[in-house]
PDB file of N, CA and C in Angstrom:
ATOM      1  N   MET A   1      33.188  53.744  40.153  1.00  0.00           N
ATOM      2  CA  MET A   1      33.740  52.652  40.890  1.00  0.00           C
ATOM      3  C   MET A   1      34.806  51.913  40.249  1.00  0.00           C
ATOM      4  N   GLU A   2      35.860  51.473  40.879  1.00  0.00           N
ATOM      5  CA  GLU A   2      37.034  50.715  40.321  1.00  0.00           C
ATOM      6  C   GLU A   2      36.771  49.233  40.191  1.00  0.00           C
ATOM      7  N   LYS A   3      37.169  48.929  38.958  1.00  0.00           N
ATOM      8  CA  LYS A   3      36.855  47.603  38.478  1.00  0.00           C
ATOM      9  C   LYS A   3      37.754  46.476  39.439  1.00  0.00           C
ATOM     10  N   ASP A   4      37.025  45.458  39.753  1.00  0.00           N
ATOM     11  CA  ASP A   4      37.712  44.386  40.458  1.00  0.00           C
ATOM     12  C   ASP A   4      38.950  43.830  39.708  1.00  0.00           C
ATOM     13  N   VAL A   5      40.214  43.760  40.430  1.00  0.00           N
ATOM     14  CA  VAL A   5      41.323  43.282  39.707  1.00  0.00           C
ATOM     15  C   VAL A   5      41.282  41.783  39.474  1.00  0.00           C
ATOM     16  N   TRP A   6      40.285  41.138  40.226  1.00  0.00           N
ATOM     17  CA  TRP A   6      40.270  39.544  40.076  1.00  0.00           C
ATOM     18  C   TRP A   6      39.058  39.201  38.968  1.00  0.00           C
ATOM     19  N   GLU A   7      38.491  40.265  38.375  1.00  0.00           N
ATOM     20  CA  GLU A   7      37.504  40.081  37.467  1.00  0.00           C
ATOM     21  C   GLU A   7      38.063  39.496  36.201  1.00  0.00           C
ATOM     22  N   GLY A   8      37.502  38.380  35.759  1.00  0.00           N
ATOM     23  CA  GLY A   8      38.147  37.870  34.591  1.00  0.00           C
ATOM     24  C   GLY A   8      39.438  37.049  34.764  1.00  0.00           C
ATOM     25  N   GLU A   9      39.369  35.731  34.452  1.00  0.00           N
ATOM     26  CA  GLU A   9      40.531  34.824  34.722  1.00  0.00           C
ATOM     27  C   GLU A   9      41.870  35.317  33.967  1.00  0.00           C
ATOM     28  N   ASN A  10      41.838  36.100  32.906  1.00  0.00           N
ATOM     29  CA  ASN A  10      43.099  36.436  32.229  1.00  0.00           C
ATOM     30  C   ASN A  10      43.755  37.677  32.845  1.00  0.00           C
ATOM     31  N   ASN A  11      43.251  38.297  33.970  1.00  0.00           N
ATOM     32  CA  ASN A  11      43.986  39.358  34.544  1.00  0.00           C
ATOM     33  C   ASN A  11      44.919  38.979  35.674  1.00  0.00           C
ATOM     34  N   CYS A  12      45.162  37.868  35.975  1.00  0.00           N
ATOM     35  CA  CYS A  12      46.118  37.307  36.889  1.00  0.00           C
ATOM     36  C   CYS A  12      47.241  36.553  36.507  1.00  0.00           C
ATOM     37  N   ALA A  13      48.359  37.132  36.703  1.00  0.00           N
ATOM     38  CA  ALA A  13      49.616  36.533  36.275  1.00  0.00           C
ATOM     39  C   ALA A  13      49.637  34.969  36.741  1.00  0.00           C
ATOM     40  N   MET A  14      49.249  34.712  37.902  1.00  0.00           N
ATOM     41  CA  MET A  14      49.037  33.360  38.519  1.00  0.00           C
ATOM     42  C   MET A  14      48.154  32.435  37.637  1.00  0.00           C
ATOM     43  N   THR A  15      47.190  32.950  37.207  1.00  0.00           N
ATOM     44  CA  THR A  15      46.158  32.165  36.282  1.00  0.00           C
ATOM     45  C   THR A  15      46.848  31.926  35.105  1.00  0.00           C
ATOM     46  N   LYS A  16      47.567  32.832  34.520  1.00  0.00           N
ATOM     47  CA  LYS A  16      48.228  32.514  33.222  1.00  0.00           C
ATOM     48  C   LYS A  16      49.353  31.463  33.380  1.00  0.00           C
ATOM     49  N   ALA A  17      50.091  31.603  34.440  1.00  0.00           N
ATOM     50  CA  ALA A  17      51.116  30.603  34.821  1.00  0.00           C
ATOM     51  C   ALA A  17      50.505  29.199  34.946  1.00  0.00           C
ATOM     52  N   MET A  18      49.353  29.154  35.707  1.00  0.00           N
ATOM     53  CA  MET A  18      48.840  27.858  35.892  1.00  0.00           C
ATOM     54  C   MET A  18      48.320  27.236  34.571  1.00  0.00           C
ATOM     55  N   LYS A  19      47.801  28.041  33.641  1.00  0.00           N
ATOM     56  CA  LYS A  19      47.380  27.459  32.319  1.00  0.00           C
ATOM     57  C   LYS A  19      48.601  26.821  31.704  1.00  0.00           C
ATOM     58  N   VAL A  20      49.731  27.196  31.872  1.00  0.00           N
ATOM     59  CA  VAL A  20      50.885  26.717  31.280  1.00  0.00           C
ATOM     60  C   VAL A  20      51.429  25.353  31.999  1.00  0.00           C
ATOM     61  N   ILE A  21      51.616  25.554  33.382  1.00  0.00           N
ATOM     62  CA  ILE A  21      52.358  24.437  34.100  1.00  0.00           C
ATOM     63  C   ILE A  21      51.374  23.849  35.093  1.00  0.00           C
ATOM     64  N   GLY A  22      50.015  24.128  35.138  1.00  0.00           N
ATOM     65  CA  GLY A  22      49.142  23.599  36.027  1.00  0.00           C
ATOM     66  C   GLY A  22      48.753  22.097  35.529  1.00  0.00           C
ATOM     67  N   GLY A  23      47.973  21.409  36.502  1.00  0.00           N
ATOM     68  CA  GLY A  23      47.593  20.101  36.210  1.00  0.00           C
ATOM     69  C   GLY A  23      48.360  19.103  37.094  1.00  0.00           C
ATOM     70  N   LYS A  24      47.947  17.764  36.873  1.00  0.00           N
ATOM     71  CA  LYS A  24      48.472  16.657  37.785  1.00  0.00           C
ATOM     72  C   LYS A  24      49.779  16.409  37.316  1.00  0.00           C
ATOM     73  N   TRP A  25      50.282  16.509  36.031  1.00  0.00           N
ATOM     74  CA  TRP A  25      51.565  15.993  35.641  1.00  0.00           C
ATOM     75  C   TRP A  25      52.642  17.007  35.155  1.00  0.00           C
ATOM     76  N   LYS A  26      52.287  18.121  34.800  1.00  0.00           N
ATOM     77  CA  LYS A  26      53.287  18.953  34.223  1.00  0.00           C
ATOM     78  C   LYS A  26      54.491  19.448  35.114  1.00  0.00           C
ATOM     79  N   LEU A  27      54.178  19.726  36.336  1.00  0.00           N
ATOM     80  CA  LEU A  27      55.215  20.048  37.249  1.00  0.00           C
ATOM     81  C   LEU A  27      56.092  18.916  37.694  1.00  0.00           C
ATOM     82  N   LEU A  28      55.489  17.756  37.679  1.00  0.00           N
ATOM     83  CA  LEU A  28      56.297  16.440  37.827  1.00  0.00           C
ATOM     84  C   LEU A  28      57.143  16.113  36.591  1.00  0.00           C
ATOM     85  N   LEU A  29      56.599  16.359  35.380  1.00  0.00           N
ATOM     86  CA  LEU A  29      57.472  16.133  34.295  1.00  0.00           C
ATOM     87  C   LEU A  29      58.582  17.126  34.129  1.00  0.00           C
ATOM     88  N   LEU A  30      58.294  18.298  34.558  1.00  0.00           N
ATOM     89  CA  LEU A  30      59.385  19.240  34.411  1.00  0.00           C
ATOM     90  C   LEU A  30      60.461  19.232  35.489  1.00  0.00           C
ATOM     91  N   ASN A  31      60.036  18.574  36.644  1.00  0.00           N
ATOM     92  CA  ASN A  31      61.007  18.173  37.633  1.00  0.00           C
ATOM     93  C   ASN A  31      61.821  17.218  37.155  1.00  0.00           C
ATOM     94  N   ALA A  32      61.266  16.031  36.639  1.00  0.00           N
ATOM     95  CA  ALA A  32      62.017  15.057  35.986  1.00  0.00           C
ATOM     96  C   ALA A  32      62.992  15.424  34.917  1.00  0.00           C
ATOM     97  N   ILE A  33      62.550  16.298  34.038  1.00  0.00           N
ATOM     98  CA  ILE A  33      63.349  16.786  32.903  1.00  0.00           C
ATOM     99  C   ILE A  33      64.543  17.489  33.389  1.00  0.00           C
ATOM    100  N   ARG A  34      64.208  18.396  34.439  1.00  0.00           N
ATOM    101  CA  ARG A  34      65.364  19.270  34.950  1.00  0.00           C
ATOM    102  C   ARG A  34      66.327  18.412  35.618  1.00  0.00           C
ATOM    103  N   LYS A  35      66.011  17.278  36.386  1.00  0.00           N
ATOM    104  CA  LYS A  35      66.908  16.555  37.017  1.00  0.00           C
ATOM    105  C   LYS A  35      67.826  15.529  36.051  1.00  0.00           C
ATOM    106  N   GLY A  36      67.236  15.227  34.866  1.00  0.00           N
ATOM    107  CA  GLY A  36      67.920  14.372  33.979  1.00  0.00           C
ATOM    108  C   GLY A  36      68.121  14.897  32.600  1.00  0.00           C
ATOM    109  N   CYS A  37      68.193  16.196  32.440  1.00  0.00           N
ATOM    110  CA  CYS A  37      68.073  16.914  31.094  1.00  0.00           C
ATOM    111  C   CYS A  37      69.406  16.558  30.346  1.00  0.00           C
ATOM    112  N   PRO A  38      69.189  16.112  29.012  1.00  0.00           N
ATOM    113  CA  PRO A  38      67.872  15.874  28.457  1.00  0.00           C
ATOM    114  C   PRO A  38      67.253  14.387  28.788  1.00  0.00           C
ATOM    115  N   LEU A  39      66.044  14.200  28.604  1.00  0.00           N
ATOM    116  CA  LEU A  39      65.466  12.936  28.894  1.00  0.00           C
ATOM    117  C   LEU A  39      64.799  12.407  27.756  1.00  0.00           C
ATOM    118  N   ARG A  40      64.928  11.073  27.390  1.00  0.00           N
ATOM    119  CA  ARG A  40      64.145  10.458  26.427  1.00  0.00           C
ATOM    120  C   ARG A  40      62.814  10.136  26.703  1.00  0.00           C
ATOM    121  N   PHE A  41      62.013   9.806  25.849  1.00  0.00           N
ATOM    122  CA  PHE A  41      60.481   9.520  26.207  1.00  0.00           C
ATOM    123  C   PHE A  41      60.461   8.327  27.069  1.00  0.00           C
ATOM    124  N   GLY A  42      61.160   7.203  26.795  1.00  0.00           N
ATOM    125  CA  GLY A  42      61.142   6.119  27.465  1.00  0.00           C
ATOM    126  C   GLY A  42      61.664   6.303  28.934  1.00  0.00           C
ATOM    127  N   GLU A  43      62.624   7.028  29.086  1.00  0.00           N
ATOM    128  CA  GLU A  43      63.092   7.343  30.423  1.00  0.00           C
ATOM    129  C   GLU A  43      62.002   8.033  31.218  1.00  0.00           C
ATOM    130  N   LEU A  44      61.371   8.902  30.697  1.00  0.00           N
ATOM    131  CA  LEU A  44      60.234   9.685  31.274  1.00  0.00           C
ATOM    132  C   LEU A  44      59.143   8.643  31.699  1.00  0.00           C
ATOM    133  N   ARG A  45      58.803   7.854  30.885  1.00  0.00           N
ATOM    134  CA  ARG A  45      57.801   6.689  31.178  1.00  0.00           C
ATOM    135  C   ARG A  45      58.223   5.900  32.389  1.00  0.00           C
ATOM    136  N   LYS A  46      59.413   5.554  32.537  1.00  0.00           N
ATOM    137  CA  LYS A  46      59.894   4.803  33.631  1.00  0.00           C
ATOM    138  C   LYS A  46      59.829   5.612  34.914  1.00  0.00           C
ATOM    139  N   LYS A  47      60.177   6.914  34.837  1.00  0.00           N
ATOM    140  CA  LYS A  47      60.097   7.643  36.076  1.00  0.00           C
ATOM    141  C   LYS A  47      58.645   8.113  36.485  1.00  0.00           C
ATOM    142  N   MET A  48      57.746   8.120  35.574  1.00  0.00           N
ATOM    143  CA  MET A  48      56.295   8.442  35.654  1.00  0.00           C
ATOM    144  C   MET A  48      55.520   7.277  35.564  1.00  0.00           C
ATOM    145  N   LYS A  49      55.597   6.339  36.307  1.00  0.00           N
ATOM    146  CA  LYS A  49      54.918   5.013  36.240  1.00  0.00           C
ATOM    147  C   LYS A  49      53.401   5.053  36.113  1.00  0.00           C
ATOM    148  N   ASP A  50      52.758   6.091  36.751  1.00  0.00           N
ATOM    149  CA  ASP A  50      51.347   6.091  36.803  1.00  0.00           C
ATOM    150  C   ASP A  50      50.678   6.942  35.613  1.00  0.00           C
ATOM    151  N   ILE A  51      51.405   7.508  34.816  1.00  0.00           N
ATOM    152  CA  ILE A  51      50.938   8.248  33.677  1.00  0.00           C
ATOM    153  C   ILE A  51      50.840   7.390  32.507  1.00  0.00           C
ATOM    154  N   THR A  52      49.724   7.652  31.825  1.00  0.00           N
ATOM    155  CA  THR A  52      49.464   6.736  30.627  1.00  0.00           C
ATOM    156  C   THR A  52      50.344   7.346  29.420  1.00  0.00           C
ATOM    157  N   HIS A  53      50.474   6.462  28.394  1.00  0.00           N
ATOM    158  CA  HIS A  53      51.299   6.930  27.304  1.00  0.00           C
ATOM    159  C   HIS A  53      50.563   8.139  26.560  1.00  0.00           C
ATOM    160  N   ALA A  54      49.364   8.134  26.437  1.00  0.00           N
ATOM    161  CA  ALA A  54      48.521   9.102  25.782  1.00  0.00           C
ATOM    162  C   ALA A  54      48.840  10.403  26.562  1.00  0.00           C
ATOM    163  N   THR A  55      48.593  10.349  27.908  1.00  0.00           N
ATOM    164  CA  THR A  55      48.695  11.629  28.819  1.00  0.00           C
ATOM    165  C   THR A  55      50.025  12.180  28.702  1.00  0.00           C
ATOM    166  N   LEU A  56      51.039  11.262  28.809  1.00  0.00           N
ATOM    167  CA  LEU A  56      52.461  11.788  28.686  1.00  0.00           C
ATOM    168  C   LEU A  56      52.694  12.494  27.538  1.00  0.00           C
ATOM    169  N   THR A  57      52.331  11.917  26.425  1.00  0.00           N
ATOM    170  CA  THR A  57      52.468  12.601  24.980  1.00  0.00           C
ATOM    171  C   THR A  57      51.733  13.882  24.877  1.00  0.00           C
ATOM    172  N   MET A  58      50.520  13.974  25.454  1.00  0.00           N
ATOM    173  CA  MET A  58      49.704  15.211  25.337  1.00  0.00           C
ATOM    174  C   MET A  58      50.360  16.240  26.219  1.00  0.00           C
ATOM    175  N   GLN A  59      50.835  15.952  27.465  1.00  0.00           N
ATOM    176  CA  GLN A  59      51.367  16.930  28.399  1.00  0.00           C
ATOM    177  C   GLN A  59      52.751  17.495  27.800  1.00  0.00           C
ATOM    178  N   LEU A  60      53.518  16.504  27.213  1.00  0.00           N
ATOM    179  CA  LEU A  60      54.891  16.880  26.544  1.00  0.00           C
ATOM    180  C   LEU A  60      54.564  17.899  25.507  1.00  0.00           C
ATOM    181  N   ARG A  61      53.542  17.585  24.642  1.00  0.00           N
ATOM    182  CA  ARG A  61      53.248  18.387  23.445  1.00  0.00           C
ATOM    183  C   ARG A  61      52.767  19.740  23.915  1.00  0.00           C
ATOM    184  N   GLU A  62      51.926  19.866  25.057  1.00  0.00           N
ATOM    185  CA  GLU A  62      51.530  21.137  25.444  1.00  0.00           C
ATOM    186  C   GLU A  62      52.698  21.920  26.140  1.00  0.00           C
ATOM    187  N   LEU A  63      53.649  21.340  26.773  1.00  0.00           N
ATOM    188  CA  LEU A  63      54.649  22.069  27.332  1.00  0.00           C
ATOM    189  C   LEU A  63      55.728  22.472  26.216  1.00  0.00           C
ATOM    190  N   GLU A  64      55.680  21.766  25.130  1.00  0.00           N
ATOM    191  CA  GLU A  64      56.520  22.067  24.053  1.00  0.00           C
ATOM    192  C   GLU A  64      55.803  23.259  23.167  1.00  0.00           C
ATOM    193  N   ARG A  65      54.428  23.153  22.968  1.00  0.00           N
ATOM    194  CA  ARG A  65      53.725  24.206  22.360  1.00  0.00           C
ATOM    195  C   ARG A  65      53.890  25.538  23.113  1.00  0.00           C
ATOM    196  N   ASP A  66      53.871  25.491  24.380  1.00  0.00           N
ATOM    197  CA  ASP A  66      54.015  26.846  25.322  1.00  0.00           C
ATOM    198  C   ASP A  66      55.378  27.111  25.371  1.00  0.00           C
ATOM    199  N   GLY A  67      56.426  26.502  24.788  1.00  0.00           N
ATOM    200  CA  GLY A  67      57.822  26.974  24.919  1.00  0.00           C
ATOM    201  C   GLY A  67      58.563  26.622  25.984  1.00  0.00           C
ATOM    202  N   ILE A  68      57.967  25.717  27.031  1.00  0.00           N
ATOM    203  CA  ILE A  68      58.747  25.364  28.118  1.00  0.00           C
ATOM    204  C   ILE A  68      59.785  24.292  28.059  1.00  0.00           C
ATOM    205  N   ILE A  69      59.498  23.279  27.123  1.00  0.00           N
ATOM    206  CA  ILE A  69      60.429  22.335  26.639  1.00  0.00           C
ATOM    207  C   ILE A  69      60.642  22.298  25.224  1.00  0.00           C
ATOM    208  N   GLU A  70      61.751  21.653  24.761  1.00  0.00           N
ATOM    209  CA  GLU A  70      62.075  21.496  23.388  1.00  0.00           C
ATOM    210  C   GLU A  70      62.203  20.014  23.188  1.00  0.00           C
ATOM    211  N   ARG A  71      61.686  19.631  21.973  1.00  0.00           N
ATOM    212  CA  ARG A  71      61.944  18.174  21.517  1.00  0.00           C
ATOM    213  C   ARG A  71      62.829  18.090  20.407  1.00  0.00           C
ATOM    214  N   LYS A  72      63.781  17.157  20.619  1.00  0.00           N
ATOM    215  CA  LYS A  72      64.776  16.829  19.574  1.00  0.00           C
ATOM    216  C   LYS A  72      64.579  15.437  19.102  1.00  0.00           C
ATOM    217  N   ILE A  73      64.329  15.398  17.759  1.00  0.00           N
ATOM    218  CA  ILE A  73      64.139  14.211  17.096  1.00  0.00           C
ATOM    219  C   ILE A  73      65.471  13.711  16.379  1.00  0.00           C
ATOM    220  N   TYR A  74      65.974  12.488  16.672  1.00  0.00           N
ATOM    221  CA  TYR A  74      67.147  12.034  16.014  1.00  0.00           C
ATOM    222  C   TYR A  74      66.802  11.089  14.871  1.00  0.00           C
ATOM    223  N   ALA A  75      67.362  11.163  13.667  1.00  0.00           N
ATOM    224  CA  ALA A  75      67.045  10.264  12.617  1.00  0.00           C
ATOM    225  C   ALA A  75      67.809   9.049  12.765  1.00  0.00           C
ATOM    226  N   GLU A  76      67.277   8.171  13.559  1.00  0.00           N
ATOM    227  CA  GLU A  76      67.949   6.906  14.006  1.00  0.00           C
ATOM    228  C   GLU A  76      66.847   5.683  13.816  1.00  0.00           C
ATOM    229  N   THR A  77      67.311   4.602  13.862  1.00  0.00           N
ATOM    230  CA  THR A  77      66.311   3.397  13.777  1.00  0.00           C
ATOM    231  C   THR A  77      66.889   2.670  15.164  1.00  0.00           C
ATOM    232  N   PRO A  78      65.800   2.465  16.086  1.00  0.00           N
ATOM    233  CA  PRO A  78      64.596   3.047  16.172  1.00  0.00           C
ATOM    234  C   PRO A  78      64.758   4.557  16.470  1.00  0.00           C
ATOM    235  N   PRO A  79      63.691   5.377  16.192  1.00  0.00           N
ATOM    236  CA  PRO A  79      63.740   6.773  16.391  1.00  0.00           C
ATOM    237  C   PRO A  79      64.056   7.139  17.855  1.00  0.00           C
ATOM    238  N   ARG A  80      64.837   8.148  18.124  1.00  0.00           N
ATOM    239  CA  ARG A  80      65.078   8.638  19.420  1.00  0.00           C
ATOM    240  C   ARG A  80      64.672  10.012  19.445  1.00  0.00           C
ATOM    241  N   VAL A  81      63.867  10.277  20.554  1.00  0.00           N
ATOM    242  CA  VAL A  81      63.339  11.704  20.845  1.00  0.00           C
ATOM    243  C   VAL A  81      63.774  12.049  22.261  1.00  0.00           C
ATOM    244  N   GLU A  82      64.470  13.316  22.420  1.00  0.00           N
ATOM    245  CA  GLU A  82      64.861  13.753  23.746  1.00  0.00           C
ATOM    246  C   GLU A  82      64.032  15.198  23.930  1.00  0.00           C
ATOM    247  N   TYR A  83      64.028  15.235  25.262  1.00  0.00           N
ATOM    248  CA  TYR A  83      63.247  16.561  25.812  1.00  0.00           C
ATOM    249  C   TYR A  83      64.141  17.228  26.726  1.00  0.00           C
ATOM    250  N   LYS A  84      64.177  18.530  26.617  1.00  0.00           N
ATOM    251  CA  LYS A  84      64.989  19.293  27.583  1.00  0.00           C
ATOM    252  C   LYS A  84      64.349  20.631  27.746  1.00  0.00           C
ATOM    253  N   LEU A  85      64.694  21.285  28.741  1.00  0.00           N
ATOM    254  CA  LEU A  85      64.145  22.762  29.136  1.00  0.00           C
ATOM    255  C   LEU A  85      64.575  23.741  28.180  1.00  0.00           C
ATOM    256  N   THR A  86      63.707  24.589  27.700  1.00  0.00           N
ATOM    257  CA  THR A  86      64.063  25.878  26.921  1.00  0.00           C
ATOM    258  C   THR A  86      64.609  26.899  27.862  1.00  0.00           C
ATOM    259  N   PRO A  87      65.167  28.000  27.388  1.00  0.00           N
ATOM    260  CA  PRO A  87      65.617  29.091  28.375  1.00  0.00           C
ATOM    261  C   PRO A  87      64.532  29.490  29.193  1.00  0.00           C
ATOM    262  N   ILE A  88      63.228  29.608  28.728  1.00  0.00           N
ATOM    263  CA  ILE A  88      62.095  30.118  29.537  1.00  0.00           C
ATOM    264  C   ILE A  88      61.700  28.900  30.584  1.00  0.00           C
ATOM    265  N   GLY A  89      61.885  27.732  30.143  1.00  0.00           N
ATOM    266  CA  GLY A  89      61.711  26.658  31.043  1.00  0.00           C
ATOM    267  C   GLY A  89      62.682  26.616  32.169  1.00  0.00           C
ATOM    268  N   ILE A  90      63.895  26.846  31.851  1.00  0.00           N
ATOM    269  CA  ILE A  90      64.984  26.912  32.904  1.00  0.00           C
ATOM    270  C   ILE A  90      64.577  28.016  33.981  1.00  0.00           C
ATOM    271  N   LYS A  91      63.904  29.024  33.569  1.00  0.00           N
ATOM    272  CA  LYS A  91      63.707  30.097  34.556  1.00  0.00           C
ATOM    273  C   LYS A  91      62.631  29.462  35.700  1.00  0.00           C
ATOM    274  N   LEU A  92      62.007  28.341  35.298  1.00  0.00           N
ATOM    275  CA  LEU A  92      61.096  27.697  36.263  1.00  0.00           C
ATOM    276  C   LEU A  92      61.938  26.883  37.352  1.00  0.00           C
ATOM    277  N   VAL A  93      63.033  26.569  36.912  1.00  0.00           N
ATOM    278  CA  VAL A  93      63.774  25.735  37.851  1.00  0.00           C
ATOM    279  C   VAL A  93      63.814  26.199  39.455  1.00  0.00           C
ATOM    280  N   PRO A  94      64.270  27.441  39.684  1.00  0.00           N
ATOM    281  CA  PRO A  94      64.163  27.759  41.119  1.00  0.00           C
ATOM    282  C   PRO A  94      62.718  27.668  41.791  1.00  0.00           C
ATOM    283  N   THR A  95      61.697  27.961  40.993  1.00  0.00           N
ATOM    284  CA  THR A  95      60.405  27.647  41.426  1.00  0.00           C
ATOM    285  C   THR A  95      60.079  26.293  41.904  1.00  0.00           C
ATOM    286  N   ILE A  96      60.366  25.373  40.906  1.00  0.00           N
ATOM    287  CA  ILE A  96      60.184  24.015  41.072  1.00  0.00           C
ATOM    288  C   ILE A  96      61.060  23.500  42.245  1.00  0.00           C
ATOM    289  N   GLN A  97      62.267  23.841  42.381  1.00  0.00           N
ATOM    290  CA  GLN A  97      63.103  23.569  43.619  1.00  0.00           C
ATOM    291  C   GLN A  97      62.433  24.074  44.951  1.00  0.00           C
ATOM    292  N   ALA A  98      61.925  25.293  44.904  1.00  0.00           N
ATOM    293  CA  ALA A  98      61.317  25.788  46.084  1.00  0.00           C
ATOM    294  C   ALA A  98      60.075  24.961  46.447  1.00  0.00           C
ATOM    295  N   LEU A  99      59.412  24.541  45.385  1.00  0.00           N
ATOM    296  CA  LEU A  99      58.157  23.719  45.731  1.00  0.00           C
ATOM    297  C   LEU A  99      58.635  22.310  46.268  1.00  0.00           C
ATOM    298  N   CYS A 100      59.797  21.788  45.757  1.00  0.00           N
ATOM    299  CA  CYS A 100      60.323  20.526  46.284  1.00  0.00           C
ATOM    300  C   CYS A 100      60.677  20.707  47.829  1.00  0.00           C
ATOM    301  N   ASP A 101      61.388  21.834  47.974  1.00  0.00           N
ATOM    302  CA  ASP A 101      61.845  22.112  49.356  1.00  0.00           C
ATOM    303  C   ASP A 101      60.630  22.267  50.320  1.00  0.00           C
ATOM    304  N   TRP A 102      59.635  22.971  49.968  1.00  0.00           N
ATOM    305  CA  TRP A 102      58.450  23.326  50.731  1.00  0.00           C
ATOM    306  C   TRP A 102      57.711  21.954  51.020  1.00  0.00           C
ATOM    307  N   GLY A 103      57.695  21.068  49.862  1.00  0.00           N
ATOM    308  CA  GLY A 103      56.976  19.805  50.119  1.00  0.00           C
ATOM    309  C   GLY A 103      57.764  18.913  51.060  1.00  0.00           C
ATOM    310  N   ASP A 104      59.080  18.874  51.137  1.00  0.00           N
ATOM    311  CA  ASP A 104      59.874  18.169  52.180  1.00  0.00           C
ATOM    312  C   ASP A 104      59.590  18.643  53.609  1.00  0.00           C
ATOM    313  N   GLU A 105      59.571  20.069  53.669  1.00  0.00           N
ATOM    314  CA  GLU A 105      59.407  20.677  54.960  1.00  0.00           C
ATOM    315  C   GLU A 105      57.979  20.460  55.448  1.00  0.00           C
ATOM    316  N   TYR A 106      57.011  20.425  54.678  1.00  0.00           N
ATOM    317  CA  TYR A 106      55.609  20.119  55.006  1.00  0.00           C
ATOM    318  C   TYR A 106      55.522  18.730  55.326  1.00  0.00           C
ATOM    319  N   HIS A 107      56.187  17.834  54.586  1.00  0.00           N
ATOM    320  CA  HIS A 107      55.936  16.431  54.955  1.00  0.00           C
ATOM    321  C   HIS A 107      56.556  16.199  56.251  1.00  0.00           C
ATOM    322  N   ALA A 108      57.679  16.779  56.598  1.00  0.00           N
ATOM    323  CA  ALA A 108      58.440  16.653  57.853  1.00  0.00           C
ATOM    324  C   ALA A 108      57.655  17.075  59.091  1.00  0.00           C
ATOM    325  N   LEU A 109      56.914  18.302  58.872  1.00  0.00           N
ATOM    326  CA  LEU A 109      56.080  18.712  59.877  1.00  0.00           C
ATOM    327  C   LEU A 109      54.752  17.841  60.054  1.00  0.00           C
ATOM    328  N   GLN A 110      54.136  17.322  59.033  1.00  0.00           N
ATOM    329  CA  GLN A 110      52.953  16.476  59.233  1.00  0.00           C
ATOM    330  C   GLN A 110      53.293  15.081  59.774  1.00  0.00           C
ATOM    331  N   ASP A 111      54.468  14.570  59.392  1.00  0.00           N
ATOM    332  CA  ASP A 111      54.841  13.156  59.919  1.00  0.00           C
ATOM    333  C   ASP A 111      56.317  13.195  60.079  1.00  0.00           C
ATOM    334  N   PRO A 112      56.819  13.743  61.269  1.00  0.00           N
ATOM    335  CA  PRO A 112      58.245  13.881  61.533  1.00  0.00           C
ATOM    336  C   PRO A 112      58.988  12.555  61.565  1.00  0.00           C
ATOM    337  N   LYS A 113      58.257  11.398  61.929  1.00  0.00           N
ATOM    338  CA  LYS A 113      58.838  10.118  62.013  1.00  0.00           C
ATOM    339  C   LYS A 113      59.163   9.399  60.737  1.00  0.00           C
ATOM    340  N   SER A 114      58.498   9.808  59.690  1.00  0.00           N
ATOM    341  CA  SER A 114      58.701   9.266  58.404  1.00  0.00           C
ATOM    342  C   SER A 114      59.903   9.707  57.656  1.00  0.00           C
ATOM    343  N   CYS A 115      60.411  10.740  58.040  1.00  0.00           N
ATOM    344  CA  CYS A 115      61.641  11.367  57.270  1.00  0.00           C
ATOM    345  C   CYS A 115      62.914  10.906  57.670  1.00  0.00           C
TER     346      CYS A 115
END
């Protein structure tokens, strides 16, 4: 009997992708960074008003660990840190844009008077 292709969460490319970019904040962060690349930590805090400082730090570190963004630290007082997409992160831009476009379309279909 053939083994089920969905058996085990690591067999699916979508599952692997969601481990890197899934969650409440990561796609929103990536969208903000792609629009304002590079962005400083403080600028991200202003754009993402509902995220806590600790969560923002954690999400950025995970995206950096996974090679999606890069962090550049400048030796200044006060310290300046900027975030930008890496080459593999830039490959997500068309996907992020497609999700934004889909969200706009979906919103217009659900509530055409509000657009």
